[in-house]
C-alpha atoms as a PDB file:
ATOM      1  CA  MET A   1      27.471  49.035 146.740  1.00  0.00           C
ATOM      2  CA  THR A   2      24.470  48.490 144.904  1.00  0.00           C
ATOM      3  CA  THR A   3      22.009  50.575 146.455  1.00  0.00           C
ATOM      4  CA  LYS A   4      22.776  53.968 144.970  1.00  0.00           C
ATOM      5  CA  HIS A   5      19.598  52.978 143.075  1.00  0.00           C
ATOM      6  CA  TRP A   6      17.623  53.322 146.342  1.00  0.00           C
ATOM      7  CA  ALA A   7      18.880  56.339 147.377  1.00  0.00           C
ATOM      8  CA  ASP A   8      15.442  57.387 148.051  1.00  0.00           C
ATOM      9  CA  VAL A   9      14.316  55.056 150.387  1.00  0.00           C
ATOM     10  CA  THR A  10      17.528  54.434 152.096  1.00  0.00           C
ATOM     11  CA  GLU A  11      17.586  56.033 155.646  1.00  0.00           C
ATOM     12  CA  GLU A  12      21.586  54.220 155.933  1.00  0.00           C
ATOM     13  CA  VAL A  13      23.595  51.574 155.071  1.00  0.00           C
ATOM     14  CA  VAL A  14      23.621  49.396 158.037  1.00  0.00           C
ATOM     15  CA  VAL A  15      26.175  46.619 157.058  1.00  0.00           C
ATOM     16  CA  THR A  16      27.993  46.393 153.364  1.00  0.00           C
ATOM     17  CA  GLU A  17      28.379  43.653 150.621  1.00  0.00           C
ATOM     18  CA  GLU A  18      32.106  43.709 152.012  1.00  0.00           C
ATOM     19  CA  MET A  19      31.039  43.710 155.837  1.00  0.00           C
ATOM     20  CA  ILE A  20      29.484  40.234 155.262  1.00  0.00           C
ATOM     21  CA  LYS A  21      31.893  38.346 153.809  1.00  0.00           C
ATOM     22  CA  ARG A  22      34.697  39.100 155.564  1.00  0.00           C
ATOM     23  CA  ARG A  23      32.538  37.731 158.408  1.00  0.00           C
ATOM     24  CA  LEU A  24      31.035  35.148 157.357  1.00  0.00           C
ATOM     25  CA  GLY A  25      34.622  34.262 156.559  1.00  0.00           C
ATOM     26  CA  GLU A  26      35.472  34.397 159.992  1.00  0.00           C
ATOM     27  CA  ILE A  27      32.776  32.730 161.050  1.00  0.00           C
ATOM     28  CA  ALA A  28      33.472  29.560 159.088  1.00  0.00           C
ATOM     29  CA  ASP A  29      36.660  29.295 160.385  1.00  0.00           C
ATOM     30  CA  GLU A  30      34.802  29.335 164.255  1.00  0.00           C
ATOM     31  CA  MET A  31      32.537  26.378 162.669  1.00  0.00           C
ATOM     32  CA  VAL A  32      35.564  24.646 161.326  1.00  0.00           C
ATOM     33  CA  VAL A  33      37.002  24.336 164.834  1.00  0.00           C
ATOM     34  CA  ASP A  34      33.990  23.563 167.023  1.00  0.00           C
ATOM     35  CA  TYR A  35      32.041  20.999 164.118  1.00  0.00           C
ATOM     36  CA  GLY A  36      36.119  20.018 164.082  1.00  0.00           C
ATOM     37  CA  LYS A  37      35.518  18.566 167.715  1.00  0.00           C
ATOM     38  CA  ILE A  38      32.100  16.762 167.266  1.00  0.00           C
ATOM     39  CA  MET A  39      31.822  15.614 163.980  1.00  0.00           C
ATOM     40  CA  LYS A  40      33.315  12.005 162.909  1.00  0.00           C
ATOM     41  CA  GLN A  41      34.694  10.569 159.838  1.00  0.00           C
ATOM     42  CA  GLY A  42      31.895  10.919 156.896  1.00  0.00           C
ATOM     43  CA  GLU A  43      29.313  12.732 158.850  1.00  0.00           C
ATOM     44  CA  LYS A  44      27.533  15.535 157.283  1.00  0.00           C
ATOM     45  CA  LEU A  45      26.410  18.636 158.999  1.00  0.00           C
ATOM     46  CA  LEU A  46      22.772  19.457 157.936  1.00  0.00           C
ATOM     47  CA  ILE A  47      22.054  23.121 157.467  1.00  0.00           C
ATOM     48  CA  ILE A  48      18.333  24.250 157.610  1.00  0.00           C
ATOM     49  CA  CYS A  49      17.571  27.412 155.517  1.00  0.00           C
ATOM     50  CA  ILE A  50      14.644  29.182 157.002  1.00  0.00           C
ATOM     51  CA  LEU A  51      12.892  30.610 154.376  1.00  0.00           C
ATOM     52  CA  LYS A  52      12.614  33.119 153.093  1.00  0.00           C
ATOM     53  CA  GLY A  53      14.787  35.552 154.286  1.00  0.00           C
ATOM     54  CA  SER A  54      17.798  33.009 155.225  1.00  0.00           C
ATOM     55  CA  TYR A  55      18.341  31.667 151.366  1.00  0.00           C
ATOM     56  CA  VAL A  56      21.332  34.447 150.439  1.00  0.00           C
ATOM     57  CA  LEU A  57      23.245  34.076 154.052  1.00  0.00           C
ATOM     58  CA  THR A  58      22.752  29.976 153.633  1.00  0.00           C
ATOM     59  CA  ALA A  59      23.998  30.127 149.732  1.00  0.00           C
ATOM     60  CA  ASP A  60      26.931  32.178 151.007  1.00  0.00           C
ATOM     61  CA  LEU A  61      27.467  29.982 153.905  1.00  0.00           C
ATOM     62  CA  ILE A  62      27.465  26.565 152.850  1.00  0.00           C
ATOM     63  CA  ARG A  63      30.152  28.049 149.880  1.00  0.00           C
ATOM     64  CA  GLU A  64      32.370  29.338 152.976  1.00  0.00           C
ATOM     65  CA  LEU A  65      32.030  25.445 154.810  1.00  0.00           C
ATOM     66  CA  THR A  66      32.613  23.718 151.560  1.00  0.00           C
ATOM     67  CA  LYS A  67      35.564  25.487 150.874  1.00  0.00           C
ATOM     68  CA  ARG A  68      36.912  24.692 154.651  1.00  0.00           C
ATOM     69  CA  GLY A  69      36.278  21.054 153.564  1.00  0.00           C
ATOM     70  CA  ILE A  70      32.902  20.796 156.155  1.00  0.00           C
ATOM     71  CA  PRO A  71      30.630  18.611 154.229  1.00  0.00           C
ATOM     72  CA  CYS A  72      26.842  19.836 153.901  1.00  0.00           C
ATOM     73  CA  MET A  73      23.889  19.255 153.171  1.00  0.00           C
ATOM     74  CA  VAL A  74      20.884  21.764 153.438  1.00  0.00           C
ATOM     75  CA  ASP A  75      17.205  21.238 153.780  1.00  0.00           C
ATOM     76  CA  PHE A  76      14.456  24.444 153.998  1.00  0.00           C
ATOM     77  CA  MET A  77      11.725  25.478 156.789  1.00  0.00           C
ATOM     78  CA  CYS A  78       9.654  28.229 155.864  1.00  0.00           C
ATOM     79  CA  VAL A  79       7.885  29.349 159.265  1.00  0.00           C
ATOM     80  CA  SER A  80       5.879  33.080 159.799  1.00  0.00           C
ATOM     81  CA  SER A  81       5.522  35.464 162.138  1.00  0.00           C
ATOM     82  CA  TYR A  82       5.188  38.834 159.792  1.00  0.00           C
ATOM     83  CA  GLY A  83       2.963  38.186 156.713  1.00  0.00           C
ATOM     84  CA  SER A  84       3.152  41.542 155.461  1.00  0.00           C
ATOM     85  CA  SER A  85       3.647  43.981 158.354  1.00  0.00           C
ATOM     86  CA  THR A  86       7.176  44.978 159.814  1.00  0.00           C
ATOM     87  CA  GLU A  87       6.300  44.044 163.303  1.00  0.00           C
ATOM     88  CA  SER A  88       5.847  39.985 164.691  1.00  0.00           C
ATOM     89  CA  SER A  89       2.611  38.699 165.259  1.00  0.00           C
ATOM     90  CA  GLY A  90       4.184  36.524 168.062  1.00  0.00           C
ATOM     91  CA  GLU A  91       2.459  33.659 166.292  1.00  0.00           C
ATOM     92  CA  VAL A  92       4.577  31.438 164.751  1.00  0.00           C
ATOM     93  CA  ARG A  93       3.370  29.334 162.178  1.00  0.00           C
ATOM     94  CA  VAL A  94       4.823  26.389 159.792  1.00  0.00           C
ATOM     95  CA  LEU A  95       4.427  26.993 155.999  1.00  0.00           C
ATOM     96  CA  LEU A  96       6.763  24.166 154.931  1.00  0.00           C
ATOM     97  CA  ASP A  97       8.454  21.655 157.169  1.00  0.00           C
ATOM     98  CA  LEU A  98      11.565  19.953 156.712  1.00  0.00           C
ATOM     99  CA  ARG A  99      12.037  16.927 154.062  1.00  0.00           C
ATOM    100  CA  GLN A 100      14.965  15.377 155.906  1.00  0.00           C
ATOM    101  CA  PRO A 101      14.836  12.946 159.128  1.00  0.00           C
ATOM    102  CA  MET A 102      17.428  14.998 161.588  1.00  0.00           C
ATOM    103  CA  LYS A 103      17.795  12.506 163.989  1.00  0.00           C
ATOM    104  CA  ASN A 104      21.832  12.057 164.910  1.00  0.00           C
ATOM    105  CA  LYS A 105      22.747  14.799 162.650  1.00  0.00           C
ATOM    106  CA  HIS A 106      24.541  17.894 163.820  1.00  0.00           C
ATOM    107  CA  VAL A 107      21.888  20.577 162.678  1.00  0.00           C
ATOM    108  CA  LEU A 108      22.464  24.219 161.567  1.00  0.00           C
ATOM    109  CA  ILE A 109      19.927  26.182 162.258  1.00  0.00           C
ATOM    110  CA  VAL A 110      20.518  29.437 159.572  1.00  0.00           C
ATOM    111  CA  GLU A 111      18.523  32.718 160.307  1.00  0.00           C
ATOM    112  CA  ASP A 112      18.291  35.917 158.537  1.00  0.00           C
ATOM    113  CA  ILE A 113      17.146  37.910 162.166  1.00  0.00           C
ATOM    114  CA  CYS A 114      16.867  37.905 165.077  1.00  0.00           C
ATOM    115  CA  GLU A 115      14.702  40.136 167.590  1.00  0.00           C
ATOM    116  CA  SER A 116      11.812  38.711 169.515  1.00  0.00           C
ATOM    117  CA  ALA A 117      13.411  35.350 169.468  1.00  0.00           C
ATOM    118  CA  ARG A 118      10.237  33.888 169.270  1.00  0.00           C
ATOM    119  CA  THR A 119      10.719  32.098 165.600  1.00  0.00           C
ATOM    120  CA  LEU A 120      13.863  30.551 166.886  1.00  0.00           C
ATOM    121  CA  ASP A 121      12.964  29.723 170.631  1.00  0.00           C
ATOM    122  CA  PHE A 122       9.949  27.905 168.517  1.00  0.00           C
ATOM    123  CA  LEU A 123      12.432  26.362 166.196  1.00  0.00           C
ATOM    124  CA  GLN A 124      15.054  25.136 168.945  1.00  0.00           C
ATOM    125  CA  HIS A 125      12.209  23.611 171.175  1.00  0.00           C
ATOM    126  CA  THR A 126      10.750  21.679 167.903  1.00  0.00           C
ATOM    127  CA  PHE A 127      13.852  20.631 166.658  1.00  0.00           C
ATOM    128  CA  ARG A 128      15.419  19.534 169.828  1.00  0.00           C
ATOM    129  CA  SER A 129      12.232  16.672 170.006  1.00  0.00           C
ATOM    130  CA  ARG A 130      13.495  15.755 166.751  1.00  0.00           C
ATOM    131  CA  SER A 131      17.016  13.943 168.454  1.00  0.00           C
ATOM    132  CA  PRO A 132      19.748  15.577 166.159  1.00  0.00           C
ATOM    133  CA  ALA A 133      22.548  14.712 167.663  1.00  0.00           C
ATOM    134  CA  SER A 134      23.786  18.592 168.424  1.00  0.00           C
ATOM    135  CA  ILE A 135      21.752  21.862 167.277  1.00  0.00           C
ATOM    136  CA  LYS A 136      23.211  25.036 166.468  1.00  0.00           C
ATOM    137  CA  THR A 137      22.562  28.672 165.120  1.00  0.00           C
ATOM    138  CA  ILE A 138      23.902  31.439 163.501  1.00  0.00           C
ATOM    139  CA  THR A 139      21.866  35.006 162.690  1.00  0.00           C
ATOM    140  CA  LEU A 140      23.224  36.991 160.371  1.00  0.00           C
ATOM    141  CA  LEU A 141      21.330  40.241 162.486  1.00  0.00           C
ATOM    142  CA  ASP A 142      20.808  40.172 166.103  1.00  0.00           C
ATOM    143  CA  LYS A 143      18.257  43.336 167.109  1.00  0.00           C
ATOM    144  CA  PRO A 144      18.429  42.344 170.998  1.00  0.00           C
ATOM    145  CA  TYR A 145      16.224  45.327 171.983  1.00  0.00           C
ATOM    146  CA  LYS A 146      12.792  43.728 172.083  1.00  0.00           C
ATOM    147  CA  ARG A 147      13.919  40.065 173.084  1.00  0.00           C
ATOM    148  CA  SER A 148      11.018  38.296 174.352  1.00  0.00           C
ATOM    149  CA  ALA A 149      11.915  34.939 174.412  1.00  0.00           C
ATOM    150  CA  THR A 150      14.938  34.213 176.963  1.00  0.00           C
ATOM    151  CA  ASN A 151      15.996  30.838 176.396  1.00  0.00           C
ATOM    152  CA  VAL A 152      17.294  31.333 172.752  1.00  0.00           C
ATOM    153  CA  VAL A 153      21.086  30.169 172.555  1.00  0.00           C
ATOM    154  CA  LEU A 154      22.281  32.359 169.677  1.00  0.00           C
ATOM    155  CA  ASP A 155      25.751  29.845 168.882  1.00  0.00           C
ATOM    156  CA  TYR A 156      27.088  32.617 165.934  1.00  0.00           C
ATOM    157  CA  VAL A 157      26.220  36.357 165.549  1.00  0.00           C
ATOM    158  CA  GLY A 158      27.211  38.299 162.279  1.00  0.00           C
ATOM    159  CA  PHE A 159      26.189  41.612 163.649  1.00  0.00           C
ATOM    160  CA  THR A 160      24.296  43.365 166.635  1.00  0.00           C
ATOM    161  CA  ILE A 161      22.534  46.116 164.544  1.00  0.00           C
ATOM    162  CA  PRO A 162      20.757  49.216 165.483  1.00  0.00           C
ATOM    163  CA  ASP A 163      16.410  49.380 165.873  1.00  0.00           C
ATOM    164  CA  LYS A 164      16.047  49.852 162.324  1.00  0.00           C
ATOM    165  CA  PHE A 165      13.698  48.644 159.858  1.00  0.00           C
ATOM    166  CA  VAL A 166      16.185  46.808 157.761  1.00  0.00           C
ATOM    167  CA  VAL A 167      16.167  45.194 154.303  1.00  0.00           C
ATOM    168  CA  GLY A 168      18.770  43.308 151.771  1.00  0.00           C
ATOM    169  CA  TYR A 169      20.814  40.596 151.133  1.00  0.00           C
ATOM    170  CA  GLY A 170      17.801  38.573 151.460  1.00  0.00           C
ATOM    171  CA  LEU A 171      15.653  40.104 153.677  1.00  0.00           C
ATOM    172  CA  ASP A 172      12.503  42.339 152.369  1.00  0.00           C
ATOM    173  CA  TYR A 173       9.729  44.930 152.985  1.00  0.00           C
ATOM    174  CA  ASP A 174       6.459  43.384 151.173  1.00  0.00           C
ATOM    175  CA  GLU A 175       9.017  41.200 149.211  1.00  0.00           C
ATOM    176  CA  LYS A 176      11.179  44.254 148.107  1.00  0.00           C
ATOM    177  CA  PHE A 177      14.705  44.382 148.531  1.00  0.00           C
ATOM    178  CA  ARG A 178      15.685  40.656 148.975  1.00  0.00           C
ATOM    179  CA  GLY A 179      18.677  41.270 146.011  1.00  0.00           C
ATOM    180  CA  LEU A 180      20.350  44.185 147.617  1.00  0.00           C
ATOM    181  CA  CYS A 181      23.791  43.156 148.757  1.00  0.00           C
ATOM    182  CA  ASP A 182      24.041  45.711 151.425  1.00  0.00           C
ATOM    183  CA  ILE A 183      21.926  45.787 154.490  1.00  0.00           C
ATOM    184  CA  ILE A 184      20.194  49.054 154.433  1.00  0.00           C
ATOM    185  CA  SER A 185      17.504  50.533 156.651  1.00  0.00           C
ATOM    186  CA  LEU A 186      14.649  52.057 154.931  1.00  0.00           C
ATOM    187  CA  LYS A 187      13.434  55.638 155.341  1.00  0.00           C
ATOM    188  CA  GLU A 188      10.531  55.613 157.957  1.00  0.00           C
ATOM    189  CA  GLU A 189       7.782  56.982 155.830  1.00  0.00           C
ATOM    190  CA  VAL A 190       8.333  53.827 153.379  1.00  0.00           C
ATOM    191  CA  TYR A 191       6.688  51.574 155.690  1.00  0.00           C
ATOM    192  CA  LYS A 192       4.919  53.557 157.642  1.00  0.00           C
ATOM    193  CA  LYS A 193       3.268  54.816 154.650  1.00  0.00           C
ATOM    194  CA  GLY A 194       3.183  51.938 152.870  1.00  0.00           C
ATOM    195  CA  ALA A 195       4.854  53.489 149.747  1.00  0.00           C
ATOM    196  CA  LYS A 196       4.350  52.253 146.323  1.00  0.00           C
ATOM    197  CA  LEU A 197       8.211  51.316 144.759  1.00  0.00           C
END
């Protein structure tokens, strides 16, 4: 655990590095079964990393899938509904679109956290219009308490967590804490008052 250096801002450790590693292995095993039913010989799984928060999850997941013999290719999309705020604005903006065409490809969307689900609703709707062979979605963290988009499908969920503001393992607050190996909840005074860290 690397969060001891951040004890003054940590409310609690929500998900440990060890828990993440174990759960990703379990999910990768599920994917082997699921994609084994629909992918043909020679096909590659197109993994869409939703920047910025999903880059750590994407890297670890690709390694787990590669160990299990699933060939992967990766592309990146950057969308935003937060800016520097801790609350979603509700407006989804595309900051970087994909470079790879997804027509007739099996697509896996990799998201760090699902809260209101507006971003994933936008992504799933947008991607369906591009005629992939299949679309599945993984989110590491699910916070379903303020869900406003109800048609979103989460095929793989790492952890359902309490309604707390969390950082680490790619998730940030104002571009801080992405490199933490554990996922922690911040003390409220840190993000409510905009404390300098």
